[in-house]
Amino acid sequence: MEINTLTAAERRVWDAFPMGEVVDFRAADDPGPAAGAGWGPERSVRAEVVRAVLLGGARQDGEIPALRMMGARITGSLNLRYATADCPISLGDCFLDDVPNLYGAHVRQLNLSGSVLPGMTAATLRVDGTLRLTDCRVRGPVRLGGAQISGAVFLDRARFTSAEPLPPPDGGPEPEPEPEAEPEPLLQLNHAAVGDDLWAPELRVEGQLRLDSATVTGSVHLDDTVLLAPGRTALEAERLTVGADLRAKRLRARGRVNLSAARIPGQLNLAYARLSQPGGVALRASSCVVGELWLREAARVEGSVNLRRSQIELLFVPPEVWPGSVRLDGLTYGALAPHEPADRRLAVLERDGDGYVPYAYEQLTASYRRVGDDDAARTVQLAKQRRQRRGLAWYARLWGHVQDLTVGYGFRPMRAVAWMLSLLLVASVAYSVRQPRALKADESPDFSPVFYSLDLLLPIIDFGQERAFTPEGGWHQGLSYVLIITGWILATTIIAGVTRAVSRQ
């Protein structure tokens, strides 16, 4: 590029580059880059000049060159496709007319903080340092799929929106609407590799944030982030791998949050979050491996939650946060918090879209046992038997009701004692009022209404009373039959229930 064709503004940039000096075009009353479309030649730099500076600008011995512009308007399309720029690039509070193309480029550091641009094409971009898009305002897709950033990525307070449709030329008629299609993700970091943190608190994306198959060596920070894609996927992060935590406290997501097959060894912190996808899946975190999943003081999820086949060391989800539909089959967790009565947790299992899921009841039982709440564990096991009973044949359901009524499937053994004592009291009174007839008067022992009743009730123990006396009269005889039958039923159900309970220890 000929030096004598440069404007005064461009010459300032050209001359400052070898020393790495900052060229600041901002004025004291500057309204900011949002008004950049109206900036004149006094603060405009052609994209071809920026390219020429980066790829062929002068170098000065002993100095580190750098492109540092503040408050400039970059006109035309900045094309650095496959280019290598061995210097830092900083375009702060700038306004870019066209979408910059950095596909396959290799730069030392890229800082676009505070700038306004219509999108960015930068798939497979390589950055040796940090990538900063802090406070950016972007009106179209930012394509960073497959990018490799050695340092951190800063997206704090950035705003990503779809480009508004242009009005028809010359006031002509509105164009025919095209069939609705799935829109392109607005912020694409799929398959990207970040060597440090992904720092994005207060990020706002009015479309999809795509992180599937990305790798972040440090942590992902999405506190106070807003993701808006109603009816679609707001966060697509399948197979995301994070080195430490994913913090999304106070996250507001309208649209599905998909973390299927993610690997997060630290916290997946969704405390105070608001997740909404009515009629669909609001949170999908199936087949994940997570250290701790927190939904502490979050709003009740609008939509369903899918945690099938995930492994979580600590699951902190209050019962009131769970939605009306869940998928929990295969979910394994080490600890469950906060500690709640079993009835409140059981209500969640009743909402499983897969119906009766035995594994979910076993996991809940195990979590109560680990904290020493054996009574709650027995309550869960009793609820499991009752839920299973619904799908059995009528005769199996009938036998189940008998076991439930008598001994609570072995988890309420004191019920059998109560039944025994009640029948023993009734029978003892009845047989003391009207003593059975002795079969052999000269050989019979002294009659005892209590032990006679026990002989009838207990099918194995023999006190010698039943063999020596026989009841007389219809109701006396009927009472003896009731005691014998009831005794066998109670004995059978107690043995079955105790065996079932012991087998689960």
Protein backbone atom coordinates (compact mmCIF):
# COMPACT_ATOMS: atom_id res chain seq x y z
CA MET A 1 0.00 0.00 0.00
CA GLU A 2 1.27 3.44 -0.93
CA ILE A 3 1.90 5.64 2.10
CA ASN A 4 0.80 8.75 0.26
CA THR A 5 -2.72 7.35 -0.18
CA LEU A 6 -3.36 7.21 3.56
CA THR A 7 -5.73 9.62 5.25
CA ALA A 8 -4.60 11.57 8.29
CA ALA A 9 -6.32 9.10 10.60
CA GLU A 10 -4.77 6.13 8.84
CA ARG A 11 -1.34 7.73 8.94
CA ARG A 12 -1.58 8.03 12.72
CA VAL A 13 -2.24 4.28 12.93
CA TRP A 14 0.59 3.47 10.54
CA ASP A 15 3.10 5.55 12.45
CA ALA A 16 2.05 4.27 15.89
CA PHE A 17 2.24 0.58 14.98
CA PRO A 18 6.04 0.01 15.15
CA MET A 19 6.18 1.35 18.73
CA GLY A 20 2.95 -0.34 19.82
CA GLU A 21 1.45 3.01 20.78
CA VAL A 22 -2.27 3.58 21.33
CA VAL A 23 -4.15 5.69 18.79
CA ASP A 24 -7.22 7.10 20.53
CA PHE A 25 -9.84 8.74 18.33
CA ARG A 26 -12.36 9.26 21.12
CA ALA A 27 -13.59 12.70 22.06
CA ALA A 28 -14.52 14.04 25.49
CA ASP A 29 -18.26 13.99 24.66
CA ASP A 30 -18.07 10.76 22.69
CA PRO A 31 -21.43 8.89 22.71
CA GLY A 32 -19.60 5.60 22.16
CA PRO A 33 -19.35 3.11 19.31
CA ALA A 34 -23.12 2.68 19.10
CA ALA A 35 -23.05 5.89 17.05
CA GLY A 36 -20.07 4.72 15.00
CA ALA A 37 -22.00 4.55 11.71
CA GLY A 38 -22.00 8.36 11.68
CA TRP A 39 -18.28 8.85 12.30
CA GLY A 40 -16.49 10.73 9.52
CA PRO A 41 -13.04 10.39 7.90
CA GLU A 42 -11.35 12.03 10.88
CA ARG A 43 -11.76 8.75 12.80
CA SER A 44 -12.25 6.20 10.02
CA VAL A 45 -9.68 3.64 8.94
CA ARG A 46 -10.07 1.39 5.92
CA ALA A 47 -9.99 -2.37 6.60
CA GLU A 48 -7.34 -2.79 3.90
CA VAL A 49 -5.09 -0.39 5.79
CA VAL A 50 -5.52 -2.41 9.00
CA ARG A 51 -4.57 -5.55 7.06
CA ALA A 52 -1.53 -3.87 5.51
CA VAL A 53 -0.36 -2.63 8.91
CA LEU A 54 -0.66 -6.07 10.49
CA LEU A 55 0.96 -8.01 7.68
CA GLY A 56 3.47 -5.56 6.28
CA GLY A 57 3.75 -2.62 8.63
CA ALA A 58 7.14 -1.23 9.53
CA ARG A 59 9.12 -2.79 12.37
CA GLN A 60 11.61 -0.93 14.57
CA ASP A 61 14.55 -2.65 16.19
CA GLY A 62 14.21 -3.08 19.92
CA GLU A 63 10.49 -2.30 19.92
CA ILE A 64 7.43 -4.59 20.05
CA PRO A 65 4.88 -3.61 17.39
CA ALA A 66 1.19 -3.70 18.20
CA LEU A 67 -2.03 -2.48 16.64
CA ARG A 68 -3.88 -0.48 19.29
CA MET A 69 -6.82 1.68 18.21
CA MET A 70 -9.58 3.19 20.33
CA GLY A 71 -12.81 4.68 19.04
CA ALA A 72 -12.12 4.12 15.32
CA ARG A 73 -14.52 3.24 12.55
CA ILE A 74 -13.20 0.44 10.35
CA THR A 75 -14.76 0.63 6.90
CA GLY A 76 -14.88 -2.26 4.48
CA SER A 77 -14.27 -5.92 5.22
CA LEU A 78 -11.24 -6.82 7.34
CA ASN A 79 -9.93 -10.00 5.72
CA LEU A 80 -7.26 -11.84 7.70
CA ARG A 81 -8.23 -15.31 6.48
CA TYR A 82 -5.31 -17.71 7.14
CA ALA A 83 -3.09 -14.73 7.98
CA THR A 84 -0.42 -14.74 10.69
CA ALA A 85 -0.07 -11.55 12.71
CA ASP A 86 2.76 -11.85 15.22
CA CYS A 87 1.65 -8.86 17.26
CA PRO A 88 -1.17 -7.98 19.67
CA ILE A 89 -4.37 -6.59 18.14
CA SER A 90 -6.53 -4.23 20.18
CA LEU A 91 -9.57 -2.52 18.63
CA GLY A 92 -11.31 -1.09 21.68
CA ASP A 93 -14.60 0.84 21.42
CA CYS A 94 -14.43 0.59 17.62
CA PHE A 95 -17.20 0.33 15.06
CA LEU A 96 -16.79 -2.22 12.26
CA ASP A 97 -18.94 -1.75 9.20
CA ASP A 98 -18.57 -5.32 7.92
CA VAL A 99 -18.03 -8.77 9.36
CA PRO A 100 -14.30 -9.36 9.93
CA ASN A 101 -12.94 -12.62 8.54
CA LEU A 102 -10.30 -14.28 10.71
CA TYR A 103 -10.92 -17.84 9.57
CA GLY A 104 -7.81 -19.92 10.25
CA ALA A 105 -5.83 -16.83 11.32
CA HIS A 106 -3.04 -16.94 13.89
CA VAL A 107 -2.64 -13.92 16.17
CA ARG A 108 -0.79 -13.25 19.37
CA GLN A 109 -3.67 -11.55 21.19
CA LEU A 110 -7.06 -10.19 20.13
CA ASN A 111 -8.95 -7.51 22.05
CA LEU A 112 -12.25 -6.14 20.73
CA SER A 113 -13.57 -4.87 24.07
CA GLY A 114 -16.39 -2.38 23.83
CA SER A 115 -16.62 -2.60 20.05
CA VAL A 116 -19.70 -2.82 17.86
CA LEU A 117 -19.65 -5.22 14.92
CA PRO A 118 -22.11 -7.11 12.70
CA GLY A 119 -20.65 -10.53 13.51
CA MET A 120 -17.32 -12.31 13.15
CA THR A 121 -16.05 -15.26 11.15
CA ALA A 122 -13.17 -16.78 13.09
CA ALA A 123 -13.50 -20.57 13.02
CA THR A 124 -10.21 -22.38 13.74
CA LEU A 125 -8.68 -19.08 14.89
CA ARG A 126 -5.50 -19.47 16.93
CA VAL A 127 -4.75 -16.96 19.68
CA ASP A 128 -1.51 -17.30 21.63
CA GLY A 129 -2.83 -15.15 24.48
CA THR A 130 -6.29 -13.97 25.47
CA LEU A 131 -9.40 -13.25 23.43
CA ARG A 132 -11.39 -10.30 24.77
CA LEU A 133 -14.93 -9.44 23.70
CA THR A 134 -15.82 -7.64 26.93
CA ASP A 135 -18.75 -5.20 26.53
CA CYS A 136 -19.01 -5.94 22.81
CA ARG A 137 -22.25 -5.39 20.92
CA VAL A 138 -22.62 -7.88 18.09
CA ARG A 139 -25.54 -7.94 15.67
CA GLY A 140 -24.90 -11.27 14.01
CA PRO A 141 -23.23 -14.67 14.45
CA VAL A 142 -19.77 -14.95 15.96
CA ARG A 143 -18.21 -18.12 14.58
CA LEU A 144 -15.37 -19.40 16.76
CA GLY A 145 -15.86 -23.11 16.18
CA GLY A 146 -12.61 -25.03 16.54
CA ALA A 147 -10.74 -21.98 17.82
CA GLN A 148 -7.66 -22.52 19.97
CA ILE A 149 -7.10 -19.85 22.60
CA SER A 150 -4.07 -20.41 24.80
CA GLY A 151 -5.24 -17.97 27.46
CA ALA A 152 -8.67 -16.96 28.72
CA VAL A 153 -11.76 -15.86 26.80
CA PHE A 154 -13.54 -12.77 28.14
CA LEU A 155 -17.20 -12.27 27.20
CA ASP A 156 -18.34 -10.35 30.27
CA ARG A 157 -21.26 -7.99 29.65
CA ALA A 158 -21.17 -8.70 25.91
CA ARG A 159 -24.43 -8.61 23.93
CA PHE A 160 -25.17 -10.85 20.96
CA THR A 161 -28.31 -10.27 18.91
CA SER A 162 -29.59 -11.27 15.49
CA ALA A 163 -29.15 -8.82 12.64
CA GLU A 164 -32.33 -6.88 11.99
CA PRO A 165 -33.82 -7.40 8.50
CA LEU A 166 -33.09 -4.56 6.10
CA PRO A 167 -36.07 -2.50 4.87
CA PRO A 168 -37.16 -3.04 1.24
CA PRO A 169 -35.33 -0.73 -1.23
CA ASP A 170 -37.08 2.46 -2.36
CA GLY A 171 -40.04 1.77 -0.14
CA GLY A 172 -41.05 -1.26 -2.23
CA PRO A 173 -43.30 -4.07 -1.06
CA GLU A 174 -42.29 -6.37 1.78
CA PRO A 175 -40.56 -9.55 0.53
CA GLU A 176 -42.36 -12.88 0.78
CA PRO A 177 -41.58 -14.56 4.13
CA GLU A 178 -39.38 -17.62 3.79
CA PRO A 179 -40.21 -20.88 5.62
CA GLU A 180 -39.02 -20.77 9.22
CA ALA A 181 -35.73 -22.60 9.78
CA GLU A 182 -33.59 -23.25 12.82
CA PRO A 183 -31.51 -20.06 13.18
CA GLU A 184 -27.74 -20.20 13.23
CA PRO A 185 -26.24 -20.11 16.74
CA LEU A 186 -25.26 -16.57 17.62
CA LEU A 187 -22.15 -17.40 19.62
CA GLN A 188 -20.33 -20.50 18.43
CA LEU A 189 -17.50 -21.98 20.47
CA ASN A 190 -18.12 -25.60 19.53
CA HIS A 191 -14.97 -27.76 19.46
CA ALA A 192 -13.00 -24.78 20.78
CA ALA A 193 -10.08 -25.23 23.17
CA VAL A 194 -9.58 -22.59 25.88
CA GLY A 195 -6.38 -22.79 27.89
CA ASP A 196 -7.70 -20.85 30.89
CA ASP A 197 -11.15 -19.62 32.02
CA LEU A 198 -14.17 -18.76 29.92
CA TRP A 199 -15.19 -15.57 31.71
CA ALA A 200 -18.70 -14.45 30.75
CA PRO A 201 -20.70 -12.97 33.67
CA GLU A 202 -23.64 -10.78 32.58
CA LEU A 203 -23.40 -12.12 29.04
CA ARG A 204 -26.60 -11.77 27.00
CA VAL A 205 -27.28 -13.93 23.96
CA GLU A 206 -30.59 -13.51 22.14
CA GLY A 207 -30.19 -16.82 20.38
CA GLN A 208 -28.11 -19.92 20.96
CA LEU A 209 -24.79 -20.15 22.78
CA ARG A 210 -23.02 -23.19 21.39
CA LEU A 211 -20.29 -24.94 23.40
CA ASP A 212 -20.66 -28.55 22.33
CA SER A 213 -17.43 -30.57 22.41
CA ALA A 214 -15.53 -27.52 23.69
CA THR A 215 -12.71 -27.90 26.21
CA VAL A 216 -12.06 -25.28 28.90
CA THR A 217 -8.99 -25.98 31.01
CA GLY A 218 -10.11 -23.66 33.81
CA SER A 219 -13.67 -22.73 34.78
CA VAL A 220 -16.71 -21.42 32.93
CA HIS A 221 -18.31 -18.34 34.51
CA LEU A 222 -21.88 -17.54 33.42
CA ASP A 223 -23.15 -15.73 36.51
CA ASP A 224 -26.06 -13.36 35.77
CA THR A 225 -26.06 -14.46 32.13
CA VAL A 226 -29.23 -14.21 30.02
CA LEU A 227 -29.83 -16.73 27.22
CA LEU A 228 -32.97 -16.19 25.16
CA ALA A 229 -34.06 -18.80 22.62
CA PRO A 230 -37.71 -19.60 23.48
CA GLY A 231 -38.85 -22.90 22.04
CA ARG A 232 -35.31 -23.82 20.96
CA THR A 233 -31.96 -24.61 22.55
CA ALA A 234 -30.50 -21.66 24.44
CA LEU A 235 -27.28 -23.40 25.57
CA GLU A 236 -25.95 -26.26 23.47
CA ALA A 237 -23.07 -27.80 25.43
CA GLU A 238 -23.06 -31.51 24.70
CA ARG A 239 -19.75 -33.20 25.58
CA LEU A 240 -18.42 -29.98 27.12
CA THR A 241 -15.29 -30.63 29.18
CA VAL A 242 -14.42 -28.22 31.99
CA GLY A 243 -11.31 -28.46 34.13
CA ALA A 244 -12.92 -27.09 37.29
CA ASP A 245 -16.34 -25.44 37.76
CA LEU A 246 -19.21 -24.21 35.62
CA ARG A 247 -20.75 -21.32 37.55
CA ALA A 248 -24.05 -20.00 36.29
CA LYS A 249 -25.56 -18.41 39.38
CA ARG A 250 -28.68 -16.38 38.61
CA LEU A 251 -28.65 -17.70 35.05
CA ARG A 252 -31.81 -16.84 33.15
CA ALA A 253 -32.42 -19.22 30.27
CA ARG A 254 -35.51 -19.22 28.09
CA GLY A 255 -34.98 -22.29 25.96
CA ARG A 256 -33.34 -25.64 26.56
CA VAL A 257 -30.07 -25.89 28.48
CA ASN A 258 -28.35 -28.98 27.07
CA LEU A 259 -25.35 -30.31 28.99
CA SER A 260 -25.63 -33.92 27.90
CA ALA A 261 -22.40 -35.93 28.33
CA ALA A 262 -20.59 -32.95 29.90
CA ARG A 263 -17.61 -33.51 32.19
CA ILE A 264 -17.44 -31.04 35.08
CA PRO A 265 -15.33 -32.32 38.01
CA GLY A 266 -16.14 -29.35 40.25
CA GLN A 267 -19.45 -27.52 40.70
CA LEU A 268 -22.20 -27.11 38.17
CA ASN A 269 -23.66 -24.20 40.07
CA LEU A 270 -27.13 -23.09 38.96
CA ALA A 271 -28.08 -21.45 42.25
CA TYR A 272 -30.85 -18.83 41.95
CA ALA A 273 -31.26 -19.74 38.26
CA ARG A 274 -34.47 -19.44 36.25
CA LEU A 275 -34.79 -22.17 33.63
CA SER A 276 -37.79 -22.07 31.33
CA GLN A 277 -38.86 -24.22 28.39
CA PRO A 278 -42.60 -24.81 28.86
CA GLY A 279 -43.77 -27.97 27.17
CA GLY A 280 -40.21 -29.15 26.51
CA VAL A 281 -36.94 -30.05 28.20
CA ALA A 282 -35.64 -27.11 30.23
CA LEU A 283 -32.50 -28.86 31.55
CA ARG A 284 -30.91 -31.86 29.94
CA ALA A 285 -27.86 -33.13 31.79
CA SER A 286 -28.02 -36.82 30.94
CA SER A 287 -24.91 -39.03 30.83
CA CYS A 288 -22.91 -36.35 32.65
CA VAL A 289 -20.11 -36.74 35.15
CA VAL A 290 -20.38 -33.85 37.63
CA GLY A 291 -18.82 -33.22 41.01
CA GLU A 292 -21.69 -31.17 42.45
CA LEU A 293 -24.94 -29.99 40.87
CA TRP A 294 -26.43 -27.01 42.72
CA LEU A 295 -29.91 -25.59 42.18
CA ARG A 296 -30.02 -23.88 45.56
CA GLU A 297 -32.85 -21.33 45.83
CA ALA A 298 -33.50 -21.60 42.11
CA ALA A 299 -36.97 -20.93 40.74
CA ARG A 300 -39.16 -23.93 39.99
CA VAL A 301 -38.06 -25.23 36.61
CA GLU A 302 -40.59 -24.60 33.82
CA GLY A 303 -40.36 -27.66 31.61
CA SER A 304 -38.85 -31.07 32.27
CA VAL A 305 -35.47 -32.08 33.71
CA ASN A 306 -33.49 -35.02 32.31
CA LEU A 307 -30.64 -36.40 34.45
CA ARG A 308 -30.71 -39.99 33.16
CA ARG A 309 -27.50 -42.03 33.50
CA SER A 310 -25.56 -39.15 35.08
CA GLN A 311 -23.05 -39.53 37.90
CA ILE A 312 -23.10 -36.74 40.48
CA GLU A 313 -21.28 -36.72 43.80
CA LEU A 314 -23.55 -34.10 45.43
CA LEU A 315 -27.03 -33.29 44.19
CA PHE A 316 -28.30 -30.11 45.85
CA VAL A 317 -31.85 -29.64 44.57
CA PRO A 318 -34.70 -28.67 46.93
CA PRO A 319 -37.91 -30.60 46.20
CA GLU A 320 -39.78 -27.43 45.24
CA VAL A 321 -37.34 -26.74 42.38
CA TRP A 322 -38.13 -29.97 40.51
CA PRO A 323 -40.71 -29.53 37.74
CA GLY A 324 -43.78 -31.61 37.05
CA SER A 325 -41.87 -33.98 34.77
CA VAL A 326 -38.46 -35.55 35.36
CA ARG A 327 -36.29 -38.33 33.89
CA LEU A 328 -34.06 -39.91 36.55
CA ASP A 329 -33.50 -43.50 35.43
CA GLY A 330 -29.86 -44.44 35.96
CA LEU A 331 -29.01 -41.27 37.89
CA THR A 332 -26.35 -42.03 40.50
CA TYR A 333 -25.50 -39.60 43.30
CA GLY A 334 -23.41 -39.87 46.42
CA ALA A 335 -25.18 -37.30 48.60
CA LEU A 336 -28.53 -35.53 48.39
CA ALA A 337 -29.10 -32.09 49.86
CA PRO A 338 -30.79 -30.40 51.58
CA HIS A 339 -31.97 -33.13 53.91
CA GLU A 340 -35.73 -33.42 53.51
CA PRO A 341 -38.42 -35.82 54.75
CA ALA A 342 -38.84 -38.85 52.54
CA ASP A 343 -42.38 -37.90 51.51
CA ARG A 344 -41.13 -34.69 49.85
CA ARG A 345 -38.50 -36.55 47.86
CA LEU A 346 -40.88 -39.37 46.91
CA ALA A 347 -43.25 -36.88 45.29
CA VAL A 348 -40.51 -36.13 42.74
CA LEU A 349 -40.09 -39.81 41.82
CA GLU A 350 -43.82 -40.03 41.14
CA ARG A 351 -43.35 -37.51 38.31
CA ASP A 352 -40.84 -39.58 36.33
CA GLY A 353 -41.83 -39.68 32.67
CA ASP A 354 -40.54 -43.25 32.40
CA GLY A 355 -43.09 -44.43 34.94
CA TYR A 356 -41.93 -46.77 37.70
CA VAL A 357 -38.11 -46.54 37.91
CA PRO A 358 -36.80 -48.96 40.59
CA TYR A 359 -33.26 -47.57 40.39
CA ALA A 360 -34.42 -44.11 41.42
CA TYR A 361 -35.96 -45.53 44.60
CA GLU A 362 -32.81 -47.50 45.38
CA GLN A 363 -30.65 -44.38 44.99
CA LEU A 364 -32.91 -42.38 47.28
CA THR A 365 -32.87 -45.20 49.84
CA ALA A 366 -29.07 -45.36 49.74
CA SER A 367 -28.74 -41.60 50.23
CA TYR A 368 -30.85 -41.73 53.40
CA ARG A 369 -28.91 -44.69 54.75
CA ARG A 370 -25.60 -42.92 54.19
CA VAL A 371 -26.70 -40.13 56.53
CA GLY A 372 -28.12 -42.56 59.07
CA ASP A 373 -31.83 -41.85 58.45
CA ASP A 374 -33.00 -45.46 58.45
CA ASP A 375 -36.64 -44.56 59.01
CA ALA A 376 -36.69 -42.45 55.83
CA ALA A 377 -34.93 -45.27 53.96
CA ARG A 378 -37.66 -47.72 55.02
CA THR A 379 -40.33 -45.23 53.95
CA VAL A 380 -38.78 -45.06 50.49
CA GLN A 381 -38.63 -48.83 50.19
CA LEU A 382 -42.27 -49.12 51.25
CA ALA A 383 -43.23 -46.53 48.62
CA LYS A 384 -41.27 -48.50 46.03
CA GLN A 385 -43.27 -51.67 46.76
CA ARG A 386 -46.54 -49.76 46.54
CA ARG A 387 -45.52 -48.18 43.22
CA GLN A 388 -44.47 -51.55 41.83
CA ARG A 389 -47.77 -53.09 42.92
CA ARG A 390 -49.72 -50.92 40.48
CA GLY A 391 -48.38 -52.84 37.50
CA LEU A 392 -49.01 -56.35 38.84
CA ALA A 393 -51.85 -58.78 38.10
CA TRP A 394 -54.93 -58.54 40.32
CA TYR A 395 -54.04 -61.53 42.49
CA ALA A 396 -50.50 -60.20 43.00
CA ARG A 397 -51.93 -56.79 43.89
CA LEU A 398 -54.25 -58.48 46.40
CA TRP A 399 -51.35 -60.28 48.06
CA GLY A 400 -49.42 -57.03 48.05
CA HIS A 401 -52.24 -55.25 49.83
CA VAL A 402 -52.23 -57.99 52.49
CA GLN A 403 -48.47 -57.59 53.02
CA ASP A 404 -48.84 -53.82 53.12
CA LEU A 405 -51.70 -53.88 55.60
CA THR A 406 -50.12 -56.41 57.92
CA VAL A 407 -46.40 -55.63 58.03
CA GLY A 408 -45.83 -52.85 55.50
CA TYR A 409 -43.90 -55.25 53.24
CA GLY A 410 -41.59 -56.01 56.16
CA PHE A 411 -40.63 -52.37 56.67
CA ARG A 412 -43.28 -51.85 59.37
CA PRO A 413 -42.82 -54.98 61.56
CA MET A 414 -44.59 -53.43 64.54
CA ARG A 415 -47.84 -53.67 62.62
CA ALA A 416 -47.67 -57.47 62.94
CA VAL A 417 -47.12 -57.15 66.67
CA ALA A 418 -50.16 -54.89 66.93
CA TRP A 419 -52.29 -57.35 64.94
CA MET A 420 -51.08 -60.24 67.11
CA LEU A 421 -51.77 -58.44 70.38
CA SER A 422 -55.21 -57.31 69.24
CA LEU A 423 -56.26 -60.79 68.16
CA LEU A 424 -54.74 -62.32 71.27
CA LEU A 425 -56.72 -59.93 73.50
CA VAL A 426 -60.02 -60.60 71.70
CA ALA A 427 -59.54 -64.35 71.68
CA SER A 428 -58.42 -64.51 75.32
CA VAL A 429 -61.51 -62.64 76.44
CA ALA A 430 -63.79 -64.78 74.28
CA TYR A 431 -62.33 -68.07 75.48
CA SER A 432 -62.28 -67.00 79.11
CA VAL A 433 -66.00 -66.20 78.90
CA ARG A 434 -66.79 -69.55 77.31
CA GLN A 435 -64.13 -72.16 77.89
CA PRO A 436 -63.60 -74.78 75.15
CA ARG A 437 -64.46 -78.37 75.97
CA ALA A 438 -61.66 -80.67 77.12
CA LEU A 439 -61.11 -83.62 74.79
CA LYS A 440 -59.96 -85.85 77.65
CA ALA A 441 -61.03 -84.40 80.97
CA ASP A 442 -58.84 -86.64 83.07
CA GLU A 443 -55.71 -85.94 80.98
CA SER A 444 -56.15 -82.28 80.04
CA PRO A 445 -53.94 -79.58 81.58
CA ASP A 446 -55.43 -76.56 83.26
CA PHE A 447 -57.04 -74.32 80.64
CA SER A 448 -55.36 -70.96 79.87
CA PRO A 449 -57.27 -68.66 77.47
CA VAL A 450 -54.07 -66.74 76.66
CA PHE A 451 -51.94 -69.76 75.80
CA TYR A 452 -54.83 -71.44 74.00
CA SER A 453 -55.16 -68.34 71.80
CA LEU A 454 -51.39 -68.32 71.23
CA ASP A 455 -51.53 -71.98 70.18
CA LEU A 456 -54.05 -71.04 67.51
CA LEU A 457 -52.20 -67.89 66.37
CA LEU A 458 -48.65 -69.19 66.24
CA PRO A 459 -48.34 -71.94 63.60
CA ILE A 460 -45.09 -73.42 64.92
CA ILE A 461 -45.05 -73.00 68.72
CA ASP A 462 -47.07 -75.57 70.65
CA PHE A 463 -48.15 -74.95 74.27
CA GLY A 464 -50.30 -78.12 74.37
CA GLN A 465 -53.58 -76.20 74.73
CA GLU A 466 -54.92 -76.62 71.20
CA ARG A 467 -54.51 -80.44 71.36
CA ALA A 468 -56.31 -80.67 74.69
CA PHE A 469 -59.35 -78.44 74.09
CA THR A 470 -61.81 -77.90 71.26
CA PRO A 471 -64.19 -74.92 70.88
CA GLU A 472 -67.91 -75.47 70.83
CA GLY A 473 -70.53 -73.49 68.95
CA GLY A 474 -70.45 -71.76 65.58
CA TRP A 475 -68.83 -68.47 66.52
CA HIS A 476 -66.33 -70.19 68.85
CA GLN A 477 -65.31 -72.51 66.05
CA GLY A 478 -65.22 -69.64 63.57
CA LEU A 479 -62.97 -67.61 65.83
CA SER A 480 -60.49 -70.47 66.01
CA TYR A 481 -60.39 -70.69 62.21
CA VAL A 482 -59.81 -66.94 61.97
CA LEU A 483 -56.93 -67.16 64.43
CA ILE A 484 -55.31 -70.07 62.59
CA ILE A 485 -55.62 -68.47 59.13
CA THR A 486 -54.52 -65.06 60.38
CA GLY A 487 -51.56 -66.58 62.15
CA TRP A 488 -50.33 -68.25 59.00
CA ILE A 489 -50.81 -65.06 56.96
CA LEU A 490 -48.95 -62.97 59.50
CA ALA A 491 -46.15 -65.50 59.78
CA THR A 492 -45.78 -65.73 55.98
CA THR A 493 -45.81 -61.98 55.44
CA ILE A 494 -43.37 -61.38 58.30
CA ILE A 495 -40.93 -63.92 56.88
CA ALA A 496 -41.30 -62.51 53.34
CA GLY A 497 -40.94 -58.95 54.53
CA VAL A 498 -37.96 -59.57 56.79
CA THR A 499 -36.22 -61.55 54.05
CA ARG A 500 -36.79 -58.70 51.60
CA ALA A 501 -35.52 -56.11 54.08
CA VAL A 502 -32.43 -58.11 55.02
CA SER A 503 -31.53 -58.72 51.38
CA ARG A 504 -31.26 -54.94 50.87
CA GLN A 505 -28.88 -54.33 53.75
